[in-house]
Amino acid sequence: MKKKTKENDLKFTLQEELSQMMVAFGEFDPPNQHTLQLLEIYLLDFLDSILTESYRKAKRAGHKDTIKIGDLLREIQFDEMMFLRVPALLRSLERMKEFRSITEDPTKNFMKNFQ
């Protein structure tokens, strides 16, 4: 019988994506379940701290209940590796938006792709 712990009560929502990433980076397939859970906890804690601090700075800058890109960039500006990945991430987001608009209405952008 499984003993009831706080860990068992958590809902692990990113495990599929993290599992795929771990395998892509050389982990055995399937990765250890406890490793996945720990990685997800670390990731969510990391995101929570960055977003909480960005939100706090956004409020101080006078923004209502939103975090602007600039607020997030100010938070990560001293982490060179993270900061330098931002342009690539923004390009990826743009490509995903384009893809979604094409797949939602294929005729809408059909001619645009051939110009």
N, C-alpha and C. Protein backbone atom coordinates (compact mmCIF):
# COMPACT_ATOMS: atom_id res chain seq x y z
N MET A 1 0.85 -1.19 0.00
CA MET A 1 0.00 0.00 0.00
C MET A 1 0.89 1.25 0.00
N LYS A 2 0.56 2.17 -0.88
CA LYS A 2 1.32 3.41 -0.97
C LYS A 2 1.02 4.29 0.22
N LYS A 3 2.08 4.81 0.84
CA LYS A 3 1.82 5.73 1.92
C LYS A 3 1.52 7.11 1.35
N LYS A 4 0.63 7.80 2.01
CA LYS A 4 0.18 9.11 1.56
C LYS A 4 1.23 10.15 1.90
N THR A 5 1.77 10.79 0.89
CA THR A 5 2.74 11.87 1.12
C THR A 5 2.34 13.06 0.27
N LYS A 6 2.98 14.17 0.56
CA LYS A 6 2.72 15.36 -0.23
C LYS A 6 3.11 15.12 -1.68
N GLU A 7 4.20 14.36 -1.90
CA GLU A 7 4.67 14.08 -3.26
C GLU A 7 3.61 13.33 -4.06
N ASN A 8 2.90 12.40 -3.44
CA ASN A 8 1.87 11.63 -4.14
C ASN A 8 0.66 12.49 -4.49
N ASP A 9 0.45 13.58 -3.75
CA ASP A 9 -0.71 14.44 -3.99
C ASP A 9 -0.48 15.44 -5.12
N LEU A 10 0.78 15.68 -5.48
CA LEU A 10 1.07 16.65 -6.53
C LEU A 10 0.60 16.14 -7.88
N LYS A 11 0.17 17.07 -8.72
CA LYS A 11 -0.18 16.70 -10.09
C LYS A 11 1.00 17.07 -10.97
N PHE A 12 1.60 16.09 -11.57
CA PHE A 12 2.75 16.32 -12.43
C PHE A 12 2.25 16.47 -13.85
N THR A 13 2.30 17.69 -14.35
CA THR A 13 1.68 17.98 -15.64
C THR A 13 2.67 18.07 -16.79
N LEU A 14 3.95 18.23 -16.50
CA LEU A 14 4.93 18.41 -17.56
C LEU A 14 5.76 17.16 -17.82
N GLN A 15 5.39 16.05 -17.22
CA GLN A 15 6.24 14.87 -17.29
C GLN A 15 6.41 14.32 -18.70
N GLU A 16 5.41 14.38 -19.52
CA GLU A 16 5.54 13.87 -20.88
C GLU A 16 6.58 14.68 -21.66
N GLU A 17 6.48 16.01 -21.58
CA GLU A 17 7.43 16.87 -22.28
C GLU A 17 8.84 16.72 -21.72
N LEU A 18 8.96 16.68 -20.39
CA LEU A 18 10.26 16.52 -19.78
C LEU A 18 10.88 15.17 -20.12
N SER A 19 10.04 14.15 -20.17
CA SER A 19 10.51 12.81 -20.53
C SER A 19 11.09 12.82 -21.94
N GLN A 20 10.39 13.45 -22.88
CA GLN A 20 10.88 13.53 -24.26
C GLN A 20 12.19 14.30 -24.34
N MET A 21 12.28 15.38 -23.58
CA MET A 21 13.51 16.17 -23.57
C MET A 21 14.67 15.36 -22.99
N MET A 22 14.42 14.63 -21.91
CA MET A 22 15.48 13.84 -21.29
C MET A 22 15.98 12.76 -22.24
N VAL A 23 15.07 12.10 -22.92
CA VAL A 23 15.46 11.05 -23.88
C VAL A 23 16.26 11.67 -25.02
N ALA A 24 15.82 12.85 -25.50
CA ALA A 24 16.52 13.52 -26.58
C ALA A 24 17.94 13.90 -26.19
N PHE A 25 18.16 14.14 -24.89
CA PHE A 25 19.49 14.51 -24.42
C PHE A 25 20.28 13.32 -23.88
N GLY A 26 19.79 12.09 -24.17
CA GLY A 26 20.59 10.91 -23.87
C GLY A 26 20.15 10.07 -22.69
N GLU A 27 19.07 10.41 -22.04
CA GLU A 27 18.57 9.61 -20.92
C GLU A 27 17.95 8.32 -21.46
N PHE A 28 17.95 7.29 -20.63
CA PHE A 28 17.31 6.04 -21.02
C PHE A 28 15.81 6.25 -21.19
N ASP A 29 15.22 5.48 -22.09
CA ASP A 29 13.78 5.57 -22.34
C ASP A 29 13.11 4.37 -21.71
N PRO A 30 12.19 4.51 -20.81
CA PRO A 30 11.67 5.74 -20.21
C PRO A 30 12.55 6.19 -19.04
N PRO A 31 12.61 7.51 -18.81
CA PRO A 31 13.40 8.03 -17.67
C PRO A 31 12.79 7.59 -16.34
N ASN A 32 13.61 7.60 -15.32
CA ASN A 32 13.16 7.26 -13.97
C ASN A 32 12.05 8.22 -13.54
N GLN A 33 10.97 7.68 -13.03
CA GLN A 33 9.80 8.47 -12.65
C GLN A 33 10.11 9.48 -11.55
N HIS A 34 10.92 9.08 -10.58
CA HIS A 34 11.28 10.00 -9.49
C HIS A 34 12.14 11.16 -10.01
N THR A 35 13.01 10.87 -10.97
CA THR A 35 13.83 11.92 -11.57
C THR A 35 12.94 12.91 -12.31
N LEU A 36 11.95 12.41 -13.04
CA LEU A 36 11.01 13.28 -13.75
C LEU A 36 10.26 14.18 -12.78
N GLN A 37 9.79 13.60 -11.69
CA GLN A 37 9.03 14.38 -10.70
C GLN A 37 9.91 15.46 -10.09
N LEU A 38 11.14 15.10 -9.74
CA LEU A 38 12.05 16.07 -9.15
C LEU A 38 12.38 17.18 -10.14
N LEU A 39 12.63 16.82 -11.38
CA LEU A 39 12.92 17.81 -12.42
C LEU A 39 11.75 18.76 -12.61
N GLU A 40 10.54 18.22 -12.60
CA GLU A 40 9.36 19.08 -12.75
C GLU A 40 9.21 20.03 -11.56
N ILE A 41 9.47 19.53 -10.37
CA ILE A 41 9.38 20.39 -9.18
C ILE A 41 10.40 21.52 -9.29
N TYR A 42 11.63 21.20 -9.68
CA TYR A 42 12.67 22.23 -9.85
C TYR A 42 12.27 23.23 -10.92
N LEU A 43 11.78 22.75 -12.05
CA LEU A 43 11.39 23.63 -13.15
C LEU A 43 10.27 24.57 -12.73
N LEU A 44 9.24 24.04 -12.09
CA LEU A 44 8.12 24.88 -11.67
C LEU A 44 8.55 25.89 -10.61
N ASP A 45 9.44 25.48 -9.72
CA ASP A 45 9.95 26.40 -8.70
C ASP A 45 10.75 27.52 -9.35
N PHE A 46 11.58 27.16 -10.33
CA PHE A 46 12.38 28.15 -11.06
C PHE A 46 11.47 29.15 -11.79
N LEU A 47 10.49 28.63 -12.52
CA LEU A 47 9.57 29.51 -13.24
C LEU A 47 8.78 30.39 -12.28
N ASP A 48 8.36 29.82 -11.16
CA ASP A 48 7.62 30.58 -10.17
C ASP A 48 8.46 31.74 -9.64
N SER A 49 9.71 31.48 -9.34
CA SER A 49 10.54 32.55 -8.78
C SER A 49 10.80 33.65 -9.82
N ILE A 50 11.08 33.28 -11.07
CA ILE A 50 11.32 34.29 -12.11
C ILE A 50 10.06 35.10 -12.38
N LEU A 51 8.93 34.42 -12.51
CA LEU A 51 7.69 35.13 -12.82
C LEU A 51 7.20 35.97 -11.65
N THR A 52 7.38 35.49 -10.43
CA THR A 52 6.98 36.26 -9.25
C THR A 52 7.80 37.54 -9.16
N GLU A 53 9.10 37.42 -9.36
CA GLU A 53 9.96 38.61 -9.30
C GLU A 53 9.65 39.56 -10.46
N SER A 54 9.40 39.02 -11.64
CA SER A 54 9.04 39.87 -12.79
C SER A 54 7.73 40.60 -12.53
N TYR A 55 6.76 39.89 -11.94
CA TYR A 55 5.47 40.50 -11.62
C TYR A 55 5.64 41.61 -10.60
N ARG A 56 6.48 41.37 -9.59
CA ARG A 56 6.72 42.38 -8.56
C ARG A 56 7.33 43.63 -9.20
N LYS A 57 8.29 43.44 -10.11
CA LYS A 57 8.92 44.58 -10.77
C LYS A 57 7.94 45.28 -11.71
N ALA A 58 7.07 44.51 -12.35
CA ALA A 58 6.07 45.10 -13.24
C ALA A 58 5.10 45.98 -12.45
N LYS A 59 4.69 45.52 -11.28
CA LYS A 59 3.79 46.31 -10.44
C LYS A 59 4.48 47.60 -10.00
N ARG A 60 5.76 47.49 -9.67
CA ARG A 60 6.51 48.67 -9.25
C ARG A 60 6.66 49.66 -10.41
N ALA A 61 6.73 49.13 -11.64
CA ALA A 61 6.87 49.99 -12.82
C ALA A 61 5.53 50.58 -13.25
N GLY A 62 4.44 50.18 -12.58
CA GLY A 62 3.14 50.76 -12.88
C GLY A 62 2.26 49.94 -13.79
N HIS A 63 2.71 48.76 -14.22
CA HIS A 63 1.86 47.90 -15.04
C HIS A 63 0.79 47.29 -14.15
N LYS A 64 -0.38 47.09 -14.71
CA LYS A 64 -1.50 46.55 -13.91
C LYS A 64 -1.20 45.11 -13.50
N ASP A 65 -1.95 44.17 -14.01
CA ASP A 65 -1.80 42.77 -13.63
C ASP A 65 -1.16 41.93 -14.72
N THR A 66 -0.20 42.51 -15.43
CA THR A 66 0.45 41.78 -16.51
C THR A 66 1.96 41.91 -16.39
N ILE A 67 2.63 40.95 -16.96
CA ILE A 67 4.08 41.00 -17.06
C ILE A 67 4.41 41.28 -18.52
N LYS A 68 5.11 42.34 -18.77
CA LYS A 68 5.54 42.68 -20.13
C LYS A 68 6.86 41.97 -20.41
N ILE A 69 7.19 41.84 -21.69
CA ILE A 69 8.45 41.20 -22.08
C ILE A 69 9.62 41.92 -21.42
N GLY A 70 9.56 43.23 -21.38
CA GLY A 70 10.65 44.01 -20.76
C GLY A 70 10.86 43.66 -19.30
N ASP A 71 9.77 43.40 -18.57
CA ASP A 71 9.88 43.02 -17.16
C ASP A 71 10.62 41.69 -17.02
N LEU A 72 10.27 40.77 -17.88
CA LEU A 72 10.92 39.46 -17.85
C LEU A 72 12.39 39.57 -18.27
N LEU A 73 12.66 40.37 -19.29
CA LEU A 73 14.04 40.55 -19.73
C LEU A 73 14.91 41.19 -18.65
N ARG A 74 14.35 42.17 -17.91
CA ARG A 74 15.10 42.77 -16.82
C ARG A 74 15.42 41.75 -15.74
N GLU A 75 14.54 40.80 -15.55
CA GLU A 75 14.76 39.78 -14.52
C GLU A 75 15.87 38.81 -14.91
N ILE A 76 15.99 38.50 -16.19
CA ILE A 76 16.98 37.50 -16.61
C ILE A 76 18.23 38.12 -17.23
N GLN A 77 18.34 39.44 -17.25
CA GLN A 77 19.44 40.10 -17.96
C GLN A 77 20.82 39.72 -17.44
N PHE A 78 20.93 39.31 -16.19
CA PHE A 78 22.25 38.99 -15.64
C PHE A 78 22.62 37.52 -15.82
N ASP A 79 21.69 36.73 -16.34
CA ASP A 79 21.99 35.34 -16.66
C ASP A 79 22.24 35.30 -18.16
N GLU A 80 23.52 35.40 -18.55
CA GLU A 80 23.88 35.58 -19.95
C GLU A 80 23.33 34.46 -20.83
N MET A 81 23.44 33.21 -20.38
CA MET A 81 23.01 32.09 -21.20
C MET A 81 21.49 32.16 -21.46
N MET A 82 20.74 32.47 -20.43
CA MET A 82 19.29 32.56 -20.58
C MET A 82 18.91 33.77 -21.44
N PHE A 83 19.56 34.88 -21.18
CA PHE A 83 19.25 36.12 -21.89
C PHE A 83 19.53 35.99 -23.39
N LEU A 84 20.61 35.31 -23.75
CA LEU A 84 20.97 35.17 -25.16
C LEU A 84 20.06 34.20 -25.91
N ARG A 85 19.29 33.39 -25.20
CA ARG A 85 18.35 32.48 -25.85
C ARG A 85 17.04 33.16 -26.22
N VAL A 86 16.77 34.33 -25.69
CA VAL A 86 15.50 35.01 -25.90
C VAL A 86 15.18 35.23 -27.38
N PRO A 87 16.10 35.75 -28.20
CA PRO A 87 15.75 35.96 -29.62
C PRO A 87 15.32 34.66 -30.32
N ALA A 88 16.01 33.56 -30.03
CA ALA A 88 15.65 32.29 -30.65
C ALA A 88 14.27 31.83 -30.19
N LEU A 89 13.96 32.03 -28.92
CA LEU A 89 12.64 31.65 -28.41
C LEU A 89 11.54 32.51 -29.03
N LEU A 90 11.81 33.79 -29.19
CA LEU A 90 10.81 34.67 -29.81
C LEU A 90 10.57 34.28 -31.27
N ARG A 91 11.64 33.92 -31.99
CA ARG A 91 11.47 33.46 -33.38
C ARG A 91 10.64 32.18 -33.42
N SER A 92 10.89 31.28 -32.48
CA SER A 92 10.11 30.03 -32.43
C SER A 92 8.64 30.32 -32.18
N LEU A 93 8.35 31.27 -31.29
CA LEU A 93 6.96 31.63 -31.02
C LEU A 93 6.30 32.20 -32.26
N GLU A 94 7.03 33.03 -33.01
CA GLU A 94 6.48 33.60 -34.25
C GLU A 94 6.18 32.49 -35.26
N ARG A 95 7.09 31.54 -35.40
CA ARG A 95 6.86 30.43 -36.34
C ARG A 95 5.66 29.59 -35.91
N MET A 96 5.50 29.39 -34.61
CA MET A 96 4.33 28.63 -34.14
C MET A 96 3.04 29.38 -34.43
N LYS A 97 3.04 30.71 -34.24
CA LYS A 97 1.86 31.51 -34.55
C LYS A 97 1.53 31.41 -36.03
N GLU A 98 2.56 31.52 -36.88
CA GLU A 98 2.35 31.40 -38.32
C GLU A 98 1.76 30.05 -38.68
N PHE A 99 2.33 29.01 -38.12
CA PHE A 99 1.85 27.66 -38.40
C PHE A 99 0.39 27.49 -37.98
N ARG A 100 0.06 28.02 -36.81
CA ARG A 100 -1.33 27.92 -36.34
C ARG A 100 -2.28 28.65 -37.28
N SER A 101 -1.89 29.84 -37.74
CA SER A 101 -2.77 30.59 -38.62
C SER A 101 -2.96 29.86 -39.95
N ILE A 102 -1.92 29.20 -40.42
CA ILE A 102 -2.03 28.44 -41.67
C ILE A 102 -2.89 27.21 -41.48
N THR A 103 -2.72 26.52 -40.37
CA THR A 103 -3.50 25.29 -40.16
C THR A 103 -4.95 25.58 -39.81
N GLU A 104 -5.22 26.73 -39.21
CA GLU A 104 -6.61 27.09 -38.89
C GLU A 104 -7.39 27.42 -40.15
N ASP A 105 -6.78 28.12 -41.09
CA ASP A 105 -7.42 28.49 -42.34
C ASP A 105 -6.39 28.37 -43.46
N PRO A 106 -6.23 27.18 -44.03
CA PRO A 106 -5.19 26.94 -45.03
C PRO A 106 -5.29 27.85 -46.25
N THR A 107 -6.49 28.27 -46.63
CA THR A 107 -6.63 29.11 -47.82
C THR A 107 -6.22 30.55 -47.55
N LYS A 108 -6.21 30.95 -46.30
CA LYS A 108 -5.93 32.33 -45.93
C LYS A 108 -4.53 32.75 -46.36
N ASN A 109 -3.55 31.92 -46.14
CA ASN A 109 -2.17 32.30 -46.43
C ASN A 109 -1.59 31.50 -47.59
N PHE A 110 -2.42 30.87 -48.37
CA PHE A 110 -1.92 30.00 -49.43
C PHE A 110 -1.06 30.75 -50.42
N MET A 111 -1.54 31.85 -50.96
CA MET A 111 -0.81 32.60 -51.97
C MET A 111 0.41 33.31 -51.36
N LYS A 112 0.32 33.70 -50.11
CA LYS A 112 1.42 34.38 -49.44
C LYS A 112 2.67 33.50 -49.42
N ASN A 113 2.51 32.20 -49.32
CA ASN A 113 3.63 31.27 -49.27
C ASN A 113 4.32 31.13 -50.61
N PHE A 114 3.67 31.51 -51.71
CA PHE A 114 4.25 31.33 -53.03
C PHE A 114 4.77 32.62 -53.64
N GLN A 115 4.71 33.71 -52.93
CA GLN A 115 5.19 35.00 -53.45
C GLN A 115 6.65 35.18 -53.18
